Amino acid sequence: MSRPLVEAVNVSKSFGHTEVLKGVDLQVHAGEVVCLLGPSGSGKTTFLRCVNALERIDGGRLRVDGELVGLLERGGRLHRMTDKQIAAQRRDIGMVFQRFNLFPHMTALENVVEAPCLVRREKRADAERRALALLERVGLADRVGNYPAQLSGGQQQRVAIARALAMQPKLMLFDEPTSALDPELVGEVLQVMRELAADGTTMVVVTHEVAFAREVADQVVFMDGGVVVERGTPEQVIGAPRHERTRAFLARVRSGDEG
């Protein structure tokens, strides 16, 4: 097996006296889709934010493509990266949030073009050409000149996905990308994610969409209380969960009680 693209070893993270991650181990290989399931407060989003260096881990090791996230090792000692070094590391990781976080004063096209021009110093013509192709890919070729306020929530989230892809990341992270959407708009976002998965995009997805995880994931990881309770294929974790906590969570989700 090749080296994992994402490798977490005994990762811990606390906020004050609250330990949110308690020794998480996880591997994600290139081209793999990993879905993180679990109740609110289980540590899923915190783990995702650690992968993208939006939060600093307190213990363990977290690597993306072989490099420590947010840390440098020199002379056998670990040192915090500078903000500039972290920003450079983050360029290769795309992240899509619950809330779309689009610039309201920019059109869909301008939102997608901004980071490649500003961060990667790409020529605007090149960035626009790729942005137009990405907006077409997410089904928004006819909305390139629209501002976020003129778009539905599902359309805004699809612009956010195109914006993340514009940086040509090696890894895509999704933090409950459909949780802020009206139910009738969820499907259009999940369809874009299905197509990304089919194209071999490496994805780590925090979601409550169990049917999506069953259909698309190579690996499902169930977290609760800051630990990985169980992991495996969708057939194993969703179809035949071994742990009572997993069974109880899936029963709640299927009855609509878990938000």
C-alpha atoms as a PDB file:
ATOM      1  CA  MET A   1       0.000   0.000   0.000  1.00  0.00           C
ATOM      2  CA  SER A   2       1.288   3.450  -0.883  1.00  0.00           C
ATOM      3  CA  ARG A   3       1.912   6.133   1.726  1.00  0.00           C
ATOM      4  CA  PRO A   4      -1.373   7.623   3.000  1.00  0.00           C
ATOM      5  CA  LEU A   5      -2.250  11.104   1.790  1.00  0.00           C
ATOM      6  CA  VAL A   6      -3.629  11.844   5.268  1.00  0.00           C
ATOM      7  CA  GLU A   7      -2.211  10.096   8.318  1.00  0.00           C
ATOM      8  CA  ALA A   8      -3.333  10.810  11.869  1.00  0.00           C
ATOM      9  CA  VAL A   9      -1.554   9.014  14.704  1.00  0.00           C
ATOM     10  CA  ASN A  10      -2.858   9.401  18.265  1.00  0.00           C
ATOM     11  CA  VAL A  11      -4.111  12.946  17.554  1.00  0.00           C
ATOM     12  CA  SER A  12      -5.461  14.837  20.545  1.00  0.00           C
ATOM     13  CA  LYS A  13      -7.009  18.292  20.833  1.00  0.00           C
ATOM     14  CA  SER A  14      -8.497  20.170  23.767  1.00  0.00           C
ATOM     15  CA  PHE A  15     -10.341  23.447  24.135  1.00  0.00           C
ATOM     16  CA  GLY A  16      -9.642  24.602  27.658  1.00  0.00           C
ATOM     17  CA  HIS A  17     -10.397  21.651  29.934  1.00  0.00           C
ATOM     18  CA  THR A  18     -12.546  19.909  27.327  1.00  0.00           C
ATOM     19  CA  GLU A  19     -10.750  17.143  25.450  1.00  0.00           C
ATOM     20  CA  VAL A  20     -12.378  17.022  22.008  1.00  0.00           C
ATOM     21  CA  LEU A  21     -10.059  14.543  20.251  1.00  0.00           C
ATOM     22  CA  LYS A  22      -8.711  11.676  22.342  1.00  0.00           C
ATOM     23  CA  GLY A  23      -6.086   9.806  20.373  1.00  0.00           C
ATOM     24  CA  VAL A  24      -7.555   9.636  16.876  1.00  0.00           C
ATOM     25  CA  ASP A  25      -5.868   7.333  14.345  1.00  0.00           C
ATOM     26  CA  LEU A  26      -6.934   7.608  10.708  1.00  0.00           C
ATOM     27  CA  GLN A  27      -5.505   7.029   7.246  1.00  0.00           C
ATOM     28  CA  VAL A  28      -6.805   8.334   3.920  1.00  0.00           C
ATOM     29  CA  HIS A  29      -5.193   7.223   0.672  1.00  0.00           C
ATOM     30  CA  ALA A  30      -5.144   9.145  -2.602  1.00  0.00           C
ATOM     31  CA  GLY A  31      -8.368   8.730  -4.553  1.00  0.00           C
ATOM     32  CA  GLU A  32     -10.272   7.538  -1.497  1.00  0.00           C
ATOM     33  CA  VAL A  33     -13.536   8.946  -0.122  1.00  0.00           C
ATOM     34  CA  VAL A  34     -13.791   8.782   3.668  1.00  0.00           C
ATOM     35  CA  CYS A  35     -17.035   9.765   5.401  1.00  0.00           C
ATOM     36  CA  LEU A  36     -16.980  10.697   9.081  1.00  0.00           C
ATOM     37  CA  LEU A  37     -20.236   9.975  10.876  1.00  0.00           C
ATOM     38  CA  GLY A  38     -21.154  10.673  14.473  1.00  0.00           C
ATOM     39  CA  PRO A  39     -23.330  12.773  16.761  1.00  0.00           C
ATOM     40  CA  SER A  40     -22.829  16.489  17.240  1.00  0.00           C
ATOM     41  CA  GLY A  41     -19.853  17.148  19.510  1.00  0.00           C
ATOM     42  CA  SER A  42     -18.090  13.895  18.628  1.00  0.00           C
ATOM     43  CA  GLY A  43     -14.995  15.687  17.267  1.00  0.00           C
ATOM     44  CA  LYS A  44     -15.566  15.231  13.528  1.00  0.00           C
ATOM     45  CA  THR A  45     -15.424  18.911  12.563  1.00  0.00           C
ATOM     46  CA  THR A  46     -12.517  19.569  14.930  1.00  0.00           C
ATOM     47  CA  PHE A  47     -10.567  16.759  13.276  1.00  0.00           C
ATOM     48  CA  LEU A  48     -11.284  18.195   9.836  1.00  0.00           C
ATOM     49  CA  ARG A  49     -10.130  21.641  10.972  1.00  0.00           C
ATOM     50  CA  CYS A  50      -6.911  20.113  12.325  1.00  0.00           C
ATOM     51  CA  VAL A  51      -6.210  18.505   8.934  1.00  0.00           C
ATOM     52  CA  ASN A  52      -6.478  21.957   7.358  1.00  0.00           C
ATOM     53  CA  ALA A  53      -4.388  23.592  10.127  1.00  0.00           C
ATOM     54  CA  LEU A  54      -7.331  25.761  11.182  1.00  0.00           C
ATOM     55  CA  GLU A  55      -6.789  24.236  14.631  1.00  0.00           C
ATOM     56  CA  ARG A  56      -3.485  23.115  16.129  1.00  0.00           C
ATOM     57  CA  ILE A  57      -3.300  19.639  17.577  1.00  0.00           C
ATOM     58  CA  ASP A  58      -2.085  19.189  21.143  1.00  0.00           C
ATOM     59  CA  GLY A  59      -0.613  15.744  20.760  1.00  0.00           C
ATOM     60  CA  GLY A  60       0.168  12.987  18.294  1.00  0.00           C
ATOM     61  CA  ARG A  61       1.175  13.391  14.661  1.00  0.00           C
ATOM     62  CA  LEU A  62      -0.889  14.577  11.711  1.00  0.00           C
ATOM     63  CA  ARG A  63       0.566  14.459   8.201  1.00  0.00           C
ATOM     64  CA  VAL A  64      -0.765  15.400   4.773  1.00  0.00           C
ATOM     65  CA  ASP A  65       1.230  14.001   1.853  1.00  0.00           C
ATOM     66  CA  GLY A  66       4.038  13.083   4.244  1.00  0.00           C
ATOM     67  CA  GLU A  67       4.387  16.557   5.771  1.00  0.00           C
ATOM     68  CA  LEU A  68       3.527  17.377   9.368  1.00  0.00           C
ATOM     69  CA  VAL A  69       0.549  19.743   9.497  1.00  0.00           C
ATOM     70  CA  GLY A  70       1.357  23.044  11.180  1.00  0.00           C
ATOM     71  CA  LEU A  71       4.679  21.809  12.526  1.00  0.00           C
ATOM     72  CA  LEU A  72       8.311  21.542  11.441  1.00  0.00           C
ATOM     73  CA  GLU A  73      10.740  18.969  12.791  1.00  0.00           C
ATOM     74  CA  ARG A  74      14.285  20.263  13.288  1.00  0.00           C
ATOM     75  CA  GLY A  75      17.015  18.542  15.242  1.00  0.00           C
ATOM     76  CA  GLY A  76      14.566  16.060  16.661  1.00  0.00           C
ATOM     77  CA  ARG A  77      12.310  18.817  18.040  1.00  0.00           C
ATOM     78  CA  LEU A  78       8.973  20.109  16.789  1.00  0.00           C
ATOM     79  CA  HIS A  79       8.440  23.796  16.088  1.00  0.00           C
ATOM     80  CA  ARG A  80       5.234  25.634  15.234  1.00  0.00           C
ATOM     81  CA  MET A  81       5.047  26.832  11.662  1.00  0.00           C
ATOM     82  CA  THR A  82       4.611  30.542  11.075  1.00  0.00           C
ATOM     83  CA  ASP A  83       1.231  31.775   9.844  1.00  0.00           C
ATOM     84  CA  LYS A  84       2.788  32.266   6.414  1.00  0.00           C
ATOM     85  CA  GLN A  85       4.084  28.684   6.323  1.00  0.00           C
ATOM     86  CA  ILE A  86       0.697  27.341   7.405  1.00  0.00           C
ATOM     87  CA  ALA A  87      -1.064  29.372   4.701  1.00  0.00           C
ATOM     88  CA  ALA A  88       1.318  27.930   2.094  1.00  0.00           C
ATOM     89  CA  GLN A  89       0.613  24.395   3.338  1.00  0.00           C
ATOM     90  CA  ARG A  90      -3.137  25.034   3.252  1.00  0.00           C
ATOM     91  CA  ARG A  91      -3.066  25.904  -0.465  1.00  0.00           C
ATOM     92  CA  ASP A  92      -3.103  22.228  -1.373  1.00  0.00           C
ATOM     93  CA  ILE A  93      -6.172  21.454   0.722  1.00  0.00           C
ATOM     94  CA  GLY A  94      -9.635  22.565  -0.377  1.00  0.00           C
ATOM     95  CA  MET A  95     -12.313  23.007   2.276  1.00  0.00           C
ATOM     96  CA  VAL A  96     -16.064  23.432   1.912  1.00  0.00           C
ATOM     97  CA  PHE A  97     -17.879  24.617   5.033  1.00  0.00           C
ATOM     98  CA  GLN A  98     -21.471  24.338   6.275  1.00  0.00           C
ATOM     99  CA  ARG A  99     -21.960  28.007   5.490  1.00  0.00           C
ATOM    100  CA  PHE A 100     -20.876  28.998   2.036  1.00  0.00           C
ATOM    101  CA  ASN A 101     -18.646  31.952   3.030  1.00  0.00           C
ATOM    102  CA  LEU A 102     -18.803  33.506  -0.443  1.00  0.00           C
ATOM    103  CA  PHE A 103     -17.795  37.133  -0.907  1.00  0.00           C
ATOM    104  CA  PRO A 104     -21.191  38.864  -1.231  1.00  0.00           C
ATOM    105  CA  HIS A 105     -19.823  41.716  -3.380  1.00  0.00           C
ATOM    106  CA  MET A 106     -18.340  39.339  -5.967  1.00  0.00           C
ATOM    107  CA  THR A 107     -20.049  37.362  -8.712  1.00  0.00           C
ATOM    108  CA  ALA A 108     -19.853  33.576  -8.817  1.00  0.00           C
ATOM    109  CA  LEU A 109     -17.022  33.841 -11.340  1.00  0.00           C
ATOM    110  CA  GLU A 110     -15.122  36.405  -9.270  1.00  0.00           C
ATOM    111  CA  ASN A 111     -15.471  34.254  -6.136  1.00  0.00           C
ATOM    112  CA  VAL A 112     -13.852  31.314  -7.943  1.00  0.00           C
ATOM    113  CA  VAL A 113     -11.112  33.392  -9.595  1.00  0.00           C
ATOM    114  CA  GLU A 114     -10.021  35.293  -6.483  1.00  0.00           C
ATOM    115  CA  ALA A 115      -7.796  32.744  -4.696  1.00  0.00           C
ATOM    116  CA  PRO A 116      -5.828  31.452  -7.719  1.00  0.00           C
ATOM    117  CA  CYS A 117      -4.989  35.052  -8.668  1.00  0.00           C
ATOM    118  CA  LEU A 118      -4.273  36.285  -5.144  1.00  0.00           C
ATOM    119  CA  VAL A 119      -2.615  33.223  -3.605  1.00  0.00           C
ATOM    120  CA  ARG A 120      -1.067  31.393  -6.555  1.00  0.00           C
ATOM    121  CA  ARG A 121      -0.406  34.557  -8.599  1.00  0.00           C
ATOM    122  CA  GLU A 122      -2.024  33.039 -11.674  1.00  0.00           C
ATOM    123  CA  LYS A 123      -2.743  35.162 -14.704  1.00  0.00           C
ATOM    124  CA  ARG A 124      -6.336  36.302 -14.519  1.00  0.00           C
ATOM    125  CA  ALA A 125      -7.145  35.004 -18.012  1.00  0.00           C
ATOM    126  CA  ASP A 126      -5.934  31.523 -17.049  1.00  0.00           C
ATOM    127  CA  ALA A 127      -7.786  31.592 -13.738  1.00  0.00           C
ATOM    128  CA  GLU A 128     -11.001  32.736 -15.438  1.00  0.00           C
ATOM    129  CA  ARG A 129     -10.752  30.018 -18.044  1.00  0.00           C
ATOM    130  CA  ARG A 130     -10.500  27.321 -15.376  1.00  0.00           C
ATOM    131  CA  ALA A 131     -13.175  28.995 -13.223  1.00  0.00           C
ATOM    132  CA  LEU A 132     -15.640  28.942 -16.116  1.00  0.00           C
ATOM    133  CA  ALA A 133     -14.917  25.257 -16.675  1.00  0.00           C
ATOM    134  CA  LEU A 134     -15.402  24.521 -12.957  1.00  0.00           C
ATOM    135  CA  LEU A 135     -18.668  26.444 -12.768  1.00  0.00           C
ATOM    136  CA  GLU A 136     -19.873  24.464 -15.769  1.00  0.00           C
ATOM    137  CA  ARG A 137     -18.759  21.280 -14.029  1.00  0.00           C
ATOM    138  CA  VAL A 138     -20.954  22.078 -10.998  1.00  0.00           C
ATOM    139  CA  GLY A 139     -23.888  22.994 -13.238  1.00  0.00           C
ATOM    140  CA  LEU A 140     -23.691  26.778 -12.964  1.00  0.00           C
ATOM    141  CA  ALA A 141     -22.525  27.857 -16.419  1.00  0.00           C
ATOM    142  CA  ASP A 142     -25.584  30.109 -16.630  1.00  0.00           C
ATOM    143  CA  ARG A 143     -24.945  31.760 -13.252  1.00  0.00           C
ATOM    144  CA  VAL A 144     -21.361  33.025 -13.605  1.00  0.00           C
ATOM    145  CA  GLY A 145     -22.425  36.687 -13.405  1.00  0.00           C
ATOM    146  CA  ASN A 146     -24.783  36.260 -10.459  1.00  0.00           C
ATOM    147  CA  TYR A 147     -23.999  37.517  -6.974  1.00  0.00           C
ATOM    148  CA  PRO A 148     -24.489  35.189  -3.974  1.00  0.00           C
ATOM    149  CA  ALA A 149     -27.727  36.940  -2.980  1.00  0.00           C
ATOM    150  CA  GLN A 150     -29.117  36.008  -6.402  1.00  0.00           C
ATOM    151  CA  LEU A 151     -28.361  32.314  -5.903  1.00  0.00           C
ATOM    152  CA  SER A 152     -30.131  29.601  -3.928  1.00  0.00           C
ATOM    153  CA  GLY A 153     -28.311  27.950  -1.033  1.00  0.00           C
ATOM    154  CA  GLY A 154     -27.562  24.913  -3.165  1.00  0.00           C
ATOM    155  CA  GLN A 155     -26.159  27.085  -5.933  1.00  0.00           C
ATOM    156  CA  GLN A 156     -24.014  29.013  -3.442  1.00  0.00           C
ATOM    157  CA  GLN A 157     -22.603  25.774  -2.051  1.00  0.00           C
ATOM    158  CA  ARG A 158     -21.794  24.587  -5.570  1.00  0.00           C
ATOM    159  CA  VAL A 159     -19.919  27.861  -6.175  1.00  0.00           C
ATOM    160  CA  ALA A 160     -18.040  27.196  -2.922  1.00  0.00           C
ATOM    161  CA  ILE A 161     -17.064  23.734  -4.205  1.00  0.00           C
ATOM    162  CA  ALA A 162     -15.872  25.246  -7.512  1.00  0.00           C
ATOM    163  CA  ARG A 163     -13.905  27.846  -5.540  1.00  0.00           C
ATOM    164  CA  ALA A 164     -12.139  25.131  -3.516  1.00  0.00           C
ATOM    165  CA  LEU A 165     -11.370  23.138  -6.675  1.00  0.00           C
ATOM    166  CA  ALA A 166      -9.926  26.225  -8.382  1.00  0.00           C
ATOM    167  CA  MET A 167      -6.820  25.900  -6.219  1.00  0.00           C
ATOM    168  CA  GLN A 168      -6.254  22.421  -7.689  1.00  0.00           C
ATOM    169  CA  PRO A 169      -6.003  20.820  -4.236  1.00  0.00           C
ATOM    170  CA  LYS A 170      -4.650  17.340  -3.601  1.00  0.00           C
ATOM    171  CA  LEU A 171      -7.313  16.863  -0.900  1.00  0.00           C
ATOM    172  CA  MET A 172     -10.908  18.092  -0.479  1.00  0.00           C
ATOM    173  CA  LEU A 173     -12.500  18.442   2.953  1.00  0.00           C
ATOM    174  CA  PHE A 174     -16.271  18.840   3.380  1.00  0.00           C
ATOM    175  CA  ASP A 175     -17.740  19.883   6.732  1.00  0.00           C
ATOM    176  CA  GLU A 176     -21.427  18.930   6.626  1.00  0.00           C
ATOM    177  CA  PRO A 177     -21.822  20.693   3.258  1.00  0.00           C
ATOM    178  CA  THR A 178     -25.581  20.114   3.091  1.00  0.00           C
ATOM    179  CA  SER A 179     -26.591  20.854   6.697  1.00  0.00           C
ATOM    180  CA  ALA A 180     -27.479  24.512   6.027  1.00  0.00           C
ATOM    181  CA  LEU A 181     -29.546  23.719   2.946  1.00  0.00           C
ATOM    182  CA  ASP A 182     -33.281  23.307   2.526  1.00  0.00           C
ATOM    183  CA  PRO A 183     -34.069  19.609   1.962  1.00  0.00           C
ATOM    184  CA  GLU A 184     -34.983  20.081  -1.697  1.00  0.00           C
ATOM    185  CA  LEU A 185     -31.528  21.570  -2.422  1.00  0.00           C
ATOM    186  CA  VAL A 186     -29.447  18.841  -0.781  1.00  0.00           C
ATOM    187  CA  GLY A 187     -29.524  16.540  -3.786  1.00  0.00           C
ATOM    188  CA  GLU A 188     -27.877  18.964  -6.205  1.00  0.00           C
ATOM    189  CA  VAL A 189     -24.852  19.392  -3.924  1.00  0.00           C
ATOM    190  CA  LEU A 190     -24.533  15.664  -3.236  1.00  0.00           C
ATOM    191  CA  GLN A 191     -24.650  15.004  -6.980  1.00  0.00           C
ATOM    192  CA  VAL A 192     -21.620  17.259  -7.532  1.00  0.00           C
ATOM    193  CA  MET A 193     -19.812  15.399  -4.740  1.00  0.00           C
ATOM    194  CA  ARG A 194     -20.723  12.035  -6.301  1.00  0.00           C
ATOM    195  CA  GLU A 195     -19.169  13.199  -9.572  1.00  0.00           C
ATOM    196  CA  LEU A 196     -16.005  14.354  -7.791  1.00  0.00           C
ATOM    197  CA  ALA A 197     -15.742  10.954  -6.113  1.00  0.00           C
ATOM    198  CA  ALA A 198     -16.216   9.205  -9.460  1.00  0.00           C
ATOM    199  CA  ASP A 199     -13.385  11.333 -10.881  1.00  0.00           C
ATOM    200  CA  GLY A 200     -11.011  10.073  -8.178  1.00  0.00           C
ATOM    201  CA  THR A 201     -10.921  13.195  -5.986  1.00  0.00           C
ATOM    202  CA  THR A 202      -9.571  12.433  -2.507  1.00  0.00           C
ATOM    203  CA  MET A 203     -12.292  13.526  -0.087  1.00  0.00           C
ATOM    204  CA  VAL A 204     -12.896  13.521   3.649  1.00  0.00           C
ATOM    205  CA  VAL A 205     -16.552  14.285   4.311  1.00  0.00           C
ATOM    206  CA  VAL A 206     -18.230  15.027   7.633  1.00  0.00           C
ATOM    207  CA  THR A 207     -21.880  14.269   6.985  1.00  0.00           C
ATOM    208  CA  HIS A 208     -25.169  13.008   8.392  1.00  0.00           C
ATOM    209  CA  GLU A 209     -26.231  11.887   4.905  1.00  0.00           C
ATOM    210  CA  VAL A 210     -26.008   8.164   5.623  1.00  0.00           C
ATOM    211  CA  ALA A 211     -27.358   7.133   2.211  1.00  0.00           C
ATOM    212  CA  PHE A 212     -24.658   9.239   0.525  1.00  0.00           C
ATOM    213  CA  ALA A 213     -21.952   7.688   2.702  1.00  0.00           C
ATOM    214  CA  ARG A 214     -23.227   4.199   1.916  1.00  0.00           C
ATOM    215  CA  GLU A 215     -23.186   4.925  -1.816  1.00  0.00           C
ATOM    216  CA  VAL A 216     -19.936   6.887  -2.235  1.00  0.00           C
ATOM    217  CA  ALA A 217     -17.538   6.169   0.635  1.00  0.00           C
ATOM    218  CA  ASP A 218     -14.636   3.771   0.421  1.00  0.00           C
ATOM    219  CA  GLN A 219     -14.283   3.998   4.198  1.00  0.00           C
ATOM    220  CA  VAL A 220     -16.795   5.041   6.843  1.00  0.00           C
ATOM    221  CA  VAL A 221     -15.508   6.179  10.230  1.00  0.00           C
ATOM    222  CA  PHE A 222     -17.893   6.493  13.160  1.00  0.00           C
ATOM    223  CA  MET A 223     -16.738   8.888  15.880  1.00  0.00           C
ATOM    224  CA  ASP A 224     -18.241   9.530  19.287  1.00  0.00           C
ATOM    225  CA  GLY A 225     -16.830  11.290  22.335  1.00  0.00           C
ATOM    226  CA  GLY A 226     -13.615  12.260  20.557  1.00  0.00           C
ATOM    227  CA  VAL A 227     -12.596   8.718  19.580  1.00  0.00           C
ATOM    228  CA  VAL A 228     -12.974   6.476  16.551  1.00  0.00           C
ATOM    229  CA  VAL A 229     -15.513   3.882  17.663  1.00  0.00           C
ATOM    230  CA  GLU A 230     -15.383   1.848  14.467  1.00  0.00           C
ATOM    231  CA  ARG A 231     -14.314   2.050  10.862  1.00  0.00           C
ATOM    232  CA  GLY A 232     -14.679  -0.039   7.758  1.00  0.00           C
ATOM    233  CA  THR A 233     -16.521  -0.246   4.474  1.00  0.00           C
ATOM    234  CA  PRO A 234     -20.041   1.193   4.268  1.00  0.00           C
ATOM    235  CA  GLU A 235     -21.356  -2.372   4.293  1.00  0.00           C
ATOM    236  CA  GLN A 236     -19.548  -3.025   7.567  1.00  0.00           C
ATOM    237  CA  VAL A 237     -20.196   0.202   9.486  1.00  0.00           C
ATOM    238  CA  ILE A 238     -23.611   1.193   8.122  1.00  0.00           C
ATOM    239  CA  GLY A 239     -24.920  -2.194   7.066  1.00  0.00           C
ATOM    240  CA  ALA A 240     -23.715  -4.257  10.029  1.00  0.00           C
ATOM    241  CA  PRO A 241     -22.341  -2.006  12.791  1.00  0.00           C
ATOM    242  CA  ARG A 242     -20.551  -3.857  15.582  1.00  0.00           C
ATOM    243  CA  HIS A 243     -20.883  -1.258  18.340  1.00  0.00           C
ATOM    244  CA  GLU A 244     -24.024  -0.247  20.188  1.00  0.00           C
ATOM    245  CA  ARG A 245     -23.100   3.448  19.922  1.00  0.00           C
ATOM    246  CA  THR A 246     -22.981   3.160  16.132  1.00  0.00           C
ATOM    247  CA  ARG A 247     -26.294   1.286  16.001  1.00  0.00           C
ATOM    248  CA  ALA A 248     -27.979   3.866  18.240  1.00  0.00           C
ATOM    249  CA  PHE A 249     -26.677   6.774  16.140  1.00  0.00           C
ATOM    250  CA  LEU A 250     -27.815   5.229  12.867  1.00  0.00           C
ATOM    251  CA  ALA A 251     -31.251   4.537  14.345  1.00  0.00           C
ATOM    252  CA  ARG A 252     -31.577   8.177  15.401  1.00  0.00           C
ATOM    253  CA  VAL A 253     -30.462   9.484  12.016  1.00  0.00           C
ATOM    254  CA  ARG A 254     -32.900   7.230  10.181  1.00  0.00           C
ATOM    255  CA  SER A 255     -35.748   8.401  12.419  1.00  0.00           C
ATOM    256  CA  GLY A 256     -34.793  12.040  11.814  1.00  0.00           C
ATOM    257  CA  ASP A 257     -33.806  12.844  15.403  1.00  0.00           C
ATOM    258  CA  GLU A 258     -30.110  13.562  14.825  1.00  0.00           C
ATOM    259  CA  GLY A 259     -29.346  16.958  13.281  1.00  0.00           C
END
